[in-house]
Protein backbone atom coordinates (compact mmCIF):
# COMPACT_ATOMS: atom_id res chain seq x y z
CA MET A 1 -36.58 50.29 1.19
CA THR A 2 -35.29 52.58 3.91
CA PHE A 3 -33.51 50.76 6.72
CA LEU A 4 -34.23 52.33 10.07
CA LYS A 5 -31.70 52.68 12.84
CA GLY A 6 -32.69 50.36 15.65
CA ALA A 7 -34.46 47.89 13.40
CA TYR A 8 -31.79 45.25 13.81
CA PRO A 9 -31.42 42.86 16.76
CA HIS A 10 -29.04 44.03 19.44
CA PRO A 11 -25.58 42.35 19.17
CA SER A 12 -25.90 40.98 22.70
CA LEU A 13 -28.71 38.79 21.43
CA PHE A 14 -26.23 36.66 19.50
CA ARG A 15 -24.04 36.17 22.56
CA ASN A 16 -26.77 35.39 25.05
CA PRO A 17 -30.20 34.63 23.59
CA LYS A 18 -32.93 35.69 25.97
CA VAL A 19 -36.25 37.46 25.92
CA VAL A 20 -35.70 41.08 24.96
CA SER A 21 -39.23 42.25 24.13
CA GLN A 22 -41.66 42.00 27.03
CA THR A 23 -44.85 42.82 25.15
CA ILE A 24 -46.43 41.87 21.84
CA PRO A 25 -47.40 45.03 19.87
CA TRP A 26 -50.65 43.54 18.56
CA GLU A 27 -51.67 42.74 22.14
CA ASP A 28 -51.10 46.36 23.21
CA LYS A 29 -53.04 47.62 20.17
CA PRO A 30 -55.55 44.95 19.14
CA TYR A 31 -56.62 45.43 15.52
CA GLY A 32 -54.36 48.48 15.37
CA VAL A 33 -51.47 49.35 13.09
CA VAL A 34 -48.12 47.83 14.04
CA SER A 35 -45.03 49.35 12.42
CA LEU A 36 -42.31 47.31 10.73
CA LEU A 37 -39.94 48.47 13.46
CA GLU A 38 -42.25 47.10 16.16
CA MET A 39 -42.57 43.83 14.26
CA LEU A 40 -38.82 43.53 13.97
CA ARG A 41 -38.28 44.34 17.62
CA VAL A 42 -40.50 41.54 18.81
CA SER A 43 -40.15 39.07 15.96
CA ALA A 44 -36.58 39.31 14.71
CA GLU A 45 -35.12 39.16 18.19
CA ASN A 46 -37.12 36.04 19.02
CA TYR A 47 -36.41 34.35 15.71
CA VAL A 48 -32.69 35.02 15.98
CA ALA A 49 -32.66 33.67 19.53
CA ILE A 50 -34.52 30.51 18.45
CA GLY A 51 -32.15 30.07 15.52
CA ARG A 52 -29.13 30.56 17.75
CA ALA A 53 -30.30 27.92 20.24
CA LEU A 54 -31.17 25.48 17.45
CA HIS A 55 -27.74 26.04 15.91
CA ARG A 56 -26.05 25.24 19.20
CA MET A 57 -27.89 21.93 19.51
CA SER A 58 -27.73 21.04 15.81
CA ALA A 59 -23.97 21.47 15.82
CA GLU A 60 -23.80 18.55 18.20
CA TYR A 61 -26.92 16.52 17.51
CA GLY A 62 -28.20 17.56 14.08
CA GLU A 63 -27.15 16.91 10.50
CA GLN A 64 -23.49 16.35 9.67
CA SER A 65 -22.52 17.02 6.05
CA GLY A 66 -26.18 16.74 5.05
CA VAL A 67 -26.64 13.39 6.76
CA LEU A 68 -28.95 13.03 9.77
CA VAL A 69 -26.94 11.07 12.31
CA VAL A 70 -29.06 9.00 14.71
CA SER A 71 -27.37 7.29 17.65
CA LYS A 72 -28.79 5.41 20.62
CA GLN A 73 -25.79 6.47 22.67
CA GLY A 74 -26.79 8.10 25.94
CA ILE A 75 -25.68 11.61 26.88
CA ASN A 76 -24.29 12.61 30.27
CA ASP A 77 -25.96 14.93 32.78
CA VAL A 78 -23.99 17.99 31.65
CA ALA A 79 -25.05 17.47 28.02
CA ARG A 80 -28.65 16.81 29.07
CA ASP A 81 -28.74 20.01 31.15
CA PHE A 82 -27.39 21.91 28.13
CA VAL A 83 -30.13 20.52 25.87
CA ILE A 84 -32.86 21.26 28.43
CA GLU A 85 -31.53 24.80 28.84
CA GLN A 86 -31.58 25.43 25.09
CA LEU A 87 -35.06 23.97 24.75
CA GLY A 88 -36.17 26.29 27.55
CA VAL A 89 -34.74 29.29 25.71
CA ILE A 90 -36.57 28.29 22.54
CA ARG A 91 -39.79 27.65 24.47
CA THR A 92 -39.66 31.11 26.07
CA HIS A 93 -39.33 32.77 22.68
CA CYS A 94 -42.11 30.64 21.23
CA GLU A 95 -44.31 31.89 24.06
CA GLN A 96 -43.35 35.45 23.12
CA LEU A 97 -44.38 34.75 19.53
CA GLU A 98 -47.63 33.12 20.70
CA LEU A 99 -46.72 29.83 19.02
CA SER A 100 -48.86 27.68 21.32
CA VAL A 101 -48.26 24.36 19.54
CA CYS A 102 -44.47 24.77 19.60
CA THR A 103 -44.59 25.93 23.21
CA GLU A 104 -46.55 22.84 24.29
CA PHE A 105 -44.37 20.59 22.12
CA LEU A 106 -41.19 21.83 23.82
CA GLY A 107 -42.77 21.59 27.26
CA VAL A 108 -43.37 17.86 26.72
CA TYR A 109 -39.78 17.28 25.60
CA ILE A 110 -38.34 19.30 28.49
CA GLU A 111 -40.37 17.25 30.97
CA ASN A 112 -39.35 13.97 29.34
CA PHE A 113 -35.67 14.88 29.17
CA THR A 114 -35.73 16.01 32.80
CA ASN A 115 -37.25 12.80 34.15
CA ARG A 116 -35.52 10.02 32.19
CA PRO A 117 -32.24 9.11 30.48
CA VAL A 118 -31.70 10.83 27.14
CA THR A 119 -29.94 9.48 24.04
CA ARG A 120 -28.44 11.38 21.14
CA SER A 121 -31.26 9.96 19.03
CA ASP A 122 -33.83 11.55 21.35
CA VAL A 123 -32.25 14.98 20.92
CA THR A 124 -31.90 14.58 17.16
CA HIS A 125 -35.55 13.65 16.76
CA CYS A 126 -36.56 16.52 19.04
CA ILE A 127 -34.71 19.06 16.89
CA PHE A 128 -36.00 17.59 13.64
CA SER A 129 -39.63 17.40 14.83
CA PHE A 130 -39.52 20.89 16.33
CA GLU A 131 -38.33 22.43 13.06
CA ILE A 132 -41.27 20.85 11.24
CA ALA A 133 -43.75 22.08 13.87
CA PHE A 134 -42.12 25.53 13.96
CA TYR A 135 -42.39 26.15 10.22
CA ALA A 136 -45.89 24.71 10.08
CA GLU A 137 -47.17 26.96 12.88
CA LEU A 138 -45.43 30.03 11.50
CA SER A 139 -47.25 29.52 8.20
CA LYS A 140 -50.54 29.95 10.08
CA CYS A 141 -49.58 33.35 11.56
CA LEU A 142 -50.92 35.92 9.11
CA PHE A 143 -50.33 39.68 9.02
CA VAL A 144 -51.79 42.37 6.80
CA PHE A 145 -49.38 44.88 5.32
CA VAL A 146 -50.67 48.46 5.00
CA TYR A 147 -48.79 50.69 2.60
CA SER A 148 -47.49 53.86 4.26
CA GLU A 149 -49.35 56.14 1.84
CA ARG A 150 -52.66 54.61 2.97
CA ALA A 151 -51.87 54.07 6.66
CA TYR A 152 -53.12 57.57 7.58
CA ALA A 153 -56.70 56.41 7.00
CA PHE A 154 -56.62 53.30 9.20
CA GLU A 155 -59.09 53.34 12.14
CA GLN A 156 -59.48 57.12 12.09
CA GLU A 157 -62.75 58.53 13.45
CA MET A 158 -61.34 62.00 12.80
CA LEU A 159 -60.50 61.24 9.16
CA PHE A 160 -62.89 63.98 7.94
CA GLY A 161 -61.95 66.45 10.66
CA GLU A 162 -63.28 67.65 13.97
CA GLU A 163 -66.12 69.75 12.52
CA VAL A 164 -67.63 66.77 10.71
CA ASN A 165 -67.38 64.69 13.89
CA LYS A 166 -69.14 67.37 15.92
CA ALA A 167 -71.89 67.93 13.34
CA PHE A 168 -72.48 64.23 12.59
CA PRO A 169 -71.36 62.18 15.61
CA SER A 170 -73.40 59.13 14.56
CA ALA A 171 -71.33 58.92 11.35
CA LYS A 172 -68.04 58.28 13.20
CA GLN A 173 -68.12 54.51 12.73
CA GLU A 174 -68.85 54.79 9.02
CA VAL A 175 -66.05 57.33 8.58
CA ARG A 176 -63.64 55.03 10.38
CA ASP A 177 -64.76 52.01 8.33
CA ALA A 178 -64.41 53.92 5.06
CA GLY A 179 -60.85 54.89 5.93
CA THR A 180 -59.91 51.44 7.18
CA CYS A 181 -61.23 49.77 4.03
CA PHE A 182 -59.23 52.24 1.95
CA ALA A 183 -56.09 51.52 3.99
CA PHE A 184 -56.54 47.79 3.35
CA GLY A 185 -57.00 48.35 -0.38
CA LEU A 186 -60.70 47.38 -0.30
CA GLY A 187 -61.86 49.98 -2.77
CA THR A 188 -65.46 48.86 -3.21
CA ALA A 189 -65.98 48.55 0.55
CA CYS A 190 -64.52 52.04 1.00
CA VAL A 191 -67.01 53.52 -1.49
CA PHE A 192 -69.85 51.64 0.20
CA HIS A 193 -69.05 53.14 3.60
CA CYS A 194 -68.60 56.61 2.07
CA MET A 195 -72.17 56.42 0.78
CA ARG A 196 -73.33 55.44 4.28
CA VAL A 197 -71.49 58.48 5.68
CA LEU A 198 -73.34 60.69 3.19
CA GLU A 199 -76.70 59.37 4.39
CA HIS A 200 -76.13 61.15 7.68
CA GLY A 201 -75.70 64.41 5.78
CA LEU A 202 -78.76 63.83 3.60
CA ARG A 203 -80.85 63.02 6.66
CA ALA A 204 -79.78 66.32 8.26
CA LEU A 205 -80.60 68.27 5.09
CA ALA A 206 -84.03 66.63 4.84
CA ALA A 207 -84.70 67.51 8.49
CA VAL A 208 -84.18 71.23 7.71
CA PHE A 209 -87.27 71.09 5.49
CA GLY A 210 -89.22 68.75 7.77
CA LEU A 211 -88.99 65.83 5.37
CA PRO A 212 -88.95 62.19 6.54
CA PHE A 213 -85.83 60.13 5.94
CA GLY A 214 -86.49 56.57 6.91
CA LEU A 215 -86.99 54.04 4.16
CA GLU A 216 -87.27 56.70 1.47
CA GLN A 217 -85.19 56.37 -1.69
CA TRP A 218 -82.42 58.96 -2.10
CA HIS A 219 -83.90 60.14 -5.39
CA ASN A 220 -87.30 60.85 -3.86
CA VAL A 221 -85.81 62.65 -0.86
CA ILE A 222 -83.54 64.81 -3.01
CA GLU A 223 -86.42 65.76 -5.33
CA GLN A 224 -88.54 66.77 -2.35
CA ILE A 225 -85.64 68.86 -1.01
CA GLU A 226 -85.26 70.56 -4.39
CA SER A 227 -88.98 71.41 -4.36
CA LYS A 228 -88.60 72.99 -0.92
CA ILE A 229 -85.55 74.96 -2.12
CA GLU A 230 -87.54 76.20 -5.13
CA ALA A 231 -90.25 77.41 -2.73
CA LEU A 232 -87.67 79.64 -1.00
CA LYS A 233 -87.76 81.91 -4.03
CA SER A 234 -91.17 83.17 -2.98
CA LEU A 235 -89.80 84.50 0.32
CA PRO A 236 -88.80 88.15 0.71
CA LYS A 237 -85.33 88.86 -0.59
CA SER A 238 -82.52 89.03 1.95
CA GLN A 239 -78.84 88.22 2.14
CA GLN A 240 -79.60 85.28 4.45
CA LYS A 241 -82.12 83.86 1.96
CA VAL A 242 -79.61 84.12 -0.88
CA GLU A 243 -76.89 82.37 1.13
CA GLU A 244 -79.21 79.63 2.37
CA GLN A 245 -80.64 79.02 -1.09
CA GLU A 246 -77.15 78.76 -2.54
CA PHE A 247 -76.00 76.37 0.19
CA TYR A 248 -79.06 74.12 -0.02
CA SER A 249 -79.05 74.10 -3.85
CA LYS A 250 -75.40 73.11 -4.02
CA SER A 251 -75.95 70.44 -1.38
CA ALA A 252 -78.92 68.90 -3.15
CA THR A 253 -77.06 68.93 -6.48
CA HIS A 254 -74.07 67.21 -4.92
CA PHE A 255 -76.25 64.54 -3.33
CA MET A 256 -77.83 63.78 -6.71
CA PHE A 257 -74.33 63.58 -8.20
CA PHE A 258 -73.16 61.14 -5.53
CA LYS A 259 -76.32 59.06 -6.03
CA ASP A 260 -75.92 58.74 -9.79
CA ALA A 261 -72.13 58.46 -9.87
CA TRP A 262 -71.53 55.97 -7.07
CA ARG A 263 -74.31 55.17 -4.61
CA ASN A 264 -76.70 53.37 -6.93
CA HIS A 265 -73.88 51.33 -8.42
CA VAL A 266 -72.15 50.24 -5.22
CA MET A 267 -75.35 49.58 -3.27
CA HIS A 268 -76.75 47.33 -6.00
CA GLY A 269 -73.52 45.52 -6.83
CA ARG A 270 -73.16 46.99 -10.31
CA ARG A 271 -69.61 48.23 -9.98
CA SER A 272 -66.34 47.48 -8.24
CA TYR A 273 -63.79 50.16 -7.41
CA ASP A 274 -60.01 50.11 -7.35
CA GLU A 275 -57.72 52.11 -5.07
CA ARG A 276 -57.55 55.15 -7.35
CA GLU A 277 -61.34 55.39 -7.67
CA ALA A 278 -61.83 54.79 -3.96
CA ARG A 279 -59.43 57.60 -3.10
CA ARG A 280 -61.40 59.99 -5.33
CA VAL A 281 -64.68 59.04 -3.64
CA LEU A 282 -63.13 59.25 -0.18
CA ASP A 283 -61.75 62.73 -0.92
CA HIS A 284 -65.04 63.94 -2.45
CA THR A 285 -66.96 62.63 0.55
CA ASP A 286 -64.53 64.33 2.91
CA ASP A 287 -64.86 67.71 1.15
CA PHE A 288 -68.63 67.51 0.91
CA MET A 289 -69.17 66.47 4.52
CA GLN A 290 -67.04 69.42 5.61
CA HIS A 291 -69.22 71.64 3.42
CA LEU A 292 -72.36 70.28 5.12
CA ALA A 293 -70.87 70.55 8.61
CA ALA A 294 -70.53 74.31 8.15
CA LYS A 295 -74.31 74.75 8.38
CA LEU A 296 -75.93 71.42 9.23
CA HIS A 297 -75.85 69.06 12.18
CA GLU A 298 -77.75 66.05 13.48
């Protein structure tokens, strides 16, 4: 692992724990990619500050030599103010981390400690109970890790390039979904969305020859296209006819290849695909859609 400069909490954090990060990265970019550095900036700083405040209180009111000391002895106003201050620091950082249960838990204790006499036992139980709640709530906060070599594909409408977007604007969502599924390691889902991207290209090719593309099966549509391409041979020879016949023939052949190799299998649940296979399909789809975008559009 490469350690990045700036990924560690600032030294001042250990001397005076306070809120350093003002925003949560996943709030600024909902459902977007958050880098490890961004995670560390918001999370590590808050966790260190919480740990520091807990350490300060535990040193006085927590375990001693592995034994939880509980005393009904009251604490003076200075000690109570110190405890309330530390609980406030922890509560602020819990708010930053969106730990709502811990935030509410600490709010109750702060209010109670502010309005009535406090014993050492009260503080000890507060620390002990908070640690249980803290670890329990943290276990419910889930994050998905995207490997750097696949992150390029996440939420990218332009994954197949500007020309494909211009030629097939209605395919943008499918392109983005195909890339996002690949980034998440969902190989079969990636292949599925790639086949849905290709449908936009097949529909455009069918439209060139005036063929319907609604509920028709791919095989039937491709065969009809091939019949129309064969009919082009009867037209007078010209360079344009040769180029068009070559383009349409290659396109129809590729569509039949995609249908037999992947579409029929993924659409009917016959196959599952791993990352390596999904990357191949994603790359083939990318290349072919760029080929189609050179001469076709919706």
